[in-house]
Amino acid sequence: MTRWRPPLQKSSPYITASGAAALRAEFKTLWRETRPEVVQALSAAAAEGDRSENAEYVYRKKQLAEMDRRIQYLTRRLEEIKIVDRLPEDQGLVRFGAEVTLVSEEGEFHYRIVGADETNAQKGWISIDSPVARALLGKRVGETFQIGLPVGQRVLSIMRVSYRHF
């Protein structure tokens, strides 16, 4: 019996120009370089005989399937993305692409609001679809707000808004 799962929420189509370039580069590398190499290695492994006991063949087949799924995703995603390459008129408001400094009882936090395909926890880049980003959008320096996080309720204050990486 298959368990019912709610449909996945589609992520926002917004992306920075550098994020779109990175997706295009990944697609190009996978399609033109990596995939042909894997197909060649798979063919070589298949030529070695009994495929059921051929670990190289099984590995390459799985690798190719994963790569093809990523290529399919990138193909669809590149058709639907919307590149945000202009600064907002009011740069005092938190919008897509903003770098925001927040302060709470726990300390200071720095985030940049980016597209879902660009998130990077080490850099502090959060998806525009994340709860923190959604709570920040439209707010200004000096505003304080409360947000529910996995660690509990937090009160955050906006100390700085910048668009220096646009």
Protein backbone atom coordinates (compact mmCIF):
# COMPACT_ATOMS: atom_id res chain seq x y z
CA MET A 1 0.00 0.00 0.00
CA THR A 2 1.33 3.43 -0.97
CA ARG A 3 1.25 6.14 1.66
CA TRP A 4 -0.35 9.41 0.65
CA ARG A 5 2.07 12.30 0.59
CA PRO A 6 1.13 15.92 0.15
CA PRO A 7 2.35 17.40 -3.13
CA LEU A 8 5.73 19.09 -2.99
CA GLN A 9 5.53 22.84 -2.84
CA LYS A 10 7.10 24.29 -5.93
CA SER A 11 9.95 26.66 -5.19
CA SER A 12 9.94 30.26 -6.35
CA PRO A 13 11.35 30.83 -9.83
CA TYR A 14 13.50 33.78 -8.74
CA ILE A 15 17.26 33.53 -9.02
CA THR A 16 20.23 35.87 -9.17
CA ALA A 17 22.15 36.31 -12.44
CA SER A 18 25.14 34.47 -10.96
CA GLY A 19 22.89 31.64 -9.77
CA ALA A 20 21.36 31.26 -13.24
CA ALA A 21 24.85 31.21 -14.78
CA ALA A 22 25.88 28.49 -12.33
CA LEU A 23 22.85 26.35 -13.26
CA ARG A 24 23.58 26.79 -16.97
CA ALA A 25 27.24 25.87 -16.43
CA GLU A 26 26.28 22.77 -14.44
CA PHE A 27 23.87 21.68 -17.17
CA LYS A 28 26.48 22.26 -19.88
CA THR A 29 29.16 20.32 -17.97
CA LEU A 30 26.84 17.41 -17.20
CA TRP A 31 25.48 17.17 -20.74
CA ARG A 32 28.63 17.77 -22.77
CA GLU A 33 31.41 16.37 -20.58
CA THR A 34 30.38 14.20 -17.63
CA ARG A 35 27.52 12.26 -19.20
CA PRO A 36 29.48 11.15 -22.29
CA GLU A 37 32.30 9.95 -20.03
CA VAL A 38 29.88 7.93 -17.90
CA VAL A 39 28.16 6.47 -20.98
CA GLN A 40 31.56 5.41 -22.34
CA ALA A 41 32.51 3.82 -18.99
CA LEU A 42 29.12 2.07 -18.85
CA SER A 43 29.63 0.67 -22.35
CA ALA A 44 33.09 -0.58 -21.41
CA ALA A 45 31.73 -2.22 -18.25
CA ALA A 46 28.87 -3.82 -20.20
CA ALA A 47 31.35 -5.32 -22.64
CA GLU A 48 33.11 -7.16 -19.82
CA GLY A 49 30.53 -9.92 -19.71
CA ASP A 50 28.05 -10.99 -17.01
CA ARG A 51 26.31 -7.79 -15.94
CA SER A 52 24.66 -9.27 -12.86
CA GLU A 53 28.03 -9.67 -11.11
CA ASN A 54 29.71 -6.64 -12.63
CA ALA A 55 30.01 -4.00 -9.88
CA GLU A 56 31.39 -1.40 -12.30
CA TYR A 57 28.39 -1.85 -14.61
CA VAL A 58 25.90 -1.55 -11.73
CA TYR A 59 27.68 1.53 -10.37
CA ARG A 60 27.83 3.28 -13.76
CA LYS A 61 24.19 2.51 -14.47
CA LYS A 62 23.13 4.10 -11.16
CA GLN A 63 25.45 7.04 -11.79
CA LEU A 64 23.92 7.60 -15.22
CA ALA A 65 20.37 7.43 -13.83
CA GLU A 66 21.17 10.01 -11.13
CA MET A 67 22.84 12.25 -13.68
CA ASP A 68 19.87 12.01 -16.05
CA ARG A 69 17.50 12.98 -13.21
CA ARG A 70 19.64 16.05 -12.49
CA ILE A 71 19.76 16.95 -16.19
CA GLN A 72 15.97 16.66 -16.41
CA TYR A 73 15.59 18.88 -13.33
CA LEU A 74 17.99 21.49 -14.73
CA THR A 75 16.23 21.47 -18.11
CA ARG A 76 12.85 22.19 -16.49
CA ARG A 77 14.27 24.65 -13.98
CA LEU A 78 16.16 26.69 -16.58
CA GLU A 79 12.91 27.12 -18.52
CA GLU A 80 11.03 28.52 -15.53
CA ILE A 81 13.58 30.67 -13.68
CA LYS A 82 13.21 34.43 -13.55
CA ILE A 83 16.49 36.30 -13.17
CA VAL A 84 16.33 39.23 -10.76
CA ASP A 85 19.07 41.56 -11.88
CA ARG A 86 17.79 44.98 -10.82
CA LEU A 87 18.02 46.64 -7.45
CA PRO A 88 14.72 47.40 -5.77
CA GLU A 89 13.66 51.04 -5.93
CA ASP A 90 13.54 51.30 -2.14
CA GLN A 91 16.80 49.73 -0.99
CA GLY A 92 15.81 50.20 2.63
CA LEU A 93 13.26 47.39 2.31
CA VAL A 94 14.21 43.73 2.46
CA ARG A 95 13.63 42.20 -0.97
CA PHE A 96 15.11 39.39 -3.05
CA GLY A 97 18.91 39.61 -3.11
CA ALA A 98 19.17 41.59 0.12
CA GLU A 99 21.93 40.95 2.60
CA VAL A 100 20.45 41.35 6.05
CA THR A 101 22.09 41.57 9.46
CA LEU A 102 19.84 40.42 12.31
CA VAL A 103 20.32 40.59 16.05
CA SER A 104 18.70 38.42 18.70
CA GLU A 105 19.47 37.33 22.25
CA GLU A 106 21.72 34.62 20.77
CA GLY A 107 23.85 37.09 18.80
CA GLU A 108 24.21 38.50 15.32
CA PHE A 109 23.24 36.68 12.12
CA HIS A 110 23.95 37.52 8.49
CA TYR A 111 21.74 36.26 5.67
CA ARG A 112 21.41 36.86 1.96
CA ILE A 113 18.04 36.11 0.38
CA VAL A 114 18.56 34.10 -2.82
CA GLY A 115 16.73 31.61 -5.03
CA ALA A 116 16.02 28.06 -3.90
CA ASP A 117 18.78 26.69 -6.16
CA GLU A 118 21.40 28.99 -4.65
CA THR A 119 21.08 28.31 -0.93
CA ASN A 120 24.33 27.80 0.94
CA ALA A 121 24.29 27.45 4.72
CA GLN A 122 28.02 28.14 5.09
CA LYS A 123 27.66 31.47 3.31
CA GLY A 124 24.38 32.37 5.06
CA TRP A 125 22.45 32.31 1.79
CA ILE A 126 18.82 31.41 2.50
CA SER A 127 16.04 30.61 0.07
CA ILE A 128 13.39 33.22 -0.54
CA ASP A 129 10.96 30.38 0.27
CA SER A 130 12.39 29.84 3.78
CA PRO A 131 10.41 30.93 6.85
CA VAL A 132 13.10 33.45 7.87
CA ALA A 133 13.22 35.05 4.41
CA ARG A 134 9.43 35.23 4.20
CA ALA A 135 9.33 36.92 7.61
CA LEU A 136 11.99 39.42 6.49
CA LEU A 137 10.48 40.46 3.15
CA GLY A 138 9.11 44.00 3.23
CA LYS A 139 10.68 44.91 6.55
CA ARG A 140 13.15 47.77 7.24
CA VAL A 141 16.18 48.47 9.42
CA GLY A 142 15.11 48.84 13.04
CA GLU A 143 12.04 46.62 12.77
CA THR A 144 11.68 43.79 15.27
CA PHE A 145 9.63 40.67 14.65
CA GLN A 146 8.99 37.27 16.15
CA ILE A 147 9.41 34.04 14.22
CA GLY A 148 8.92 30.37 15.05
CA LEU A 149 12.04 28.34 14.31
CA PRO A 150 12.78 24.65 14.97
CA VAL A 151 14.64 25.75 18.13
CA GLY A 152 11.60 27.75 19.31
CA GLN A 153 10.26 31.28 19.07
CA ARG A 154 12.86 33.99 18.42
CA VAL A 155 12.66 37.76 18.45
CA LEU A 156 14.85 39.26 15.74
CA SER A 157 15.76 42.87 14.95
CA ILE A 158 16.98 44.07 11.57
CA MET A 159 20.25 45.98 11.96
CA ARG A 160 21.34 46.39 8.33
CA VAL A 161 20.02 45.87 4.79
CA SER A 162 22.41 45.92 1.83
CA TYR A 163 22.37 45.03 -1.85
CA ARG A 164 26.12 45.12 -2.48
CA HIS A 165 26.28 41.79 -4.35
CA PHE A 166 23.70 42.61 -6.98
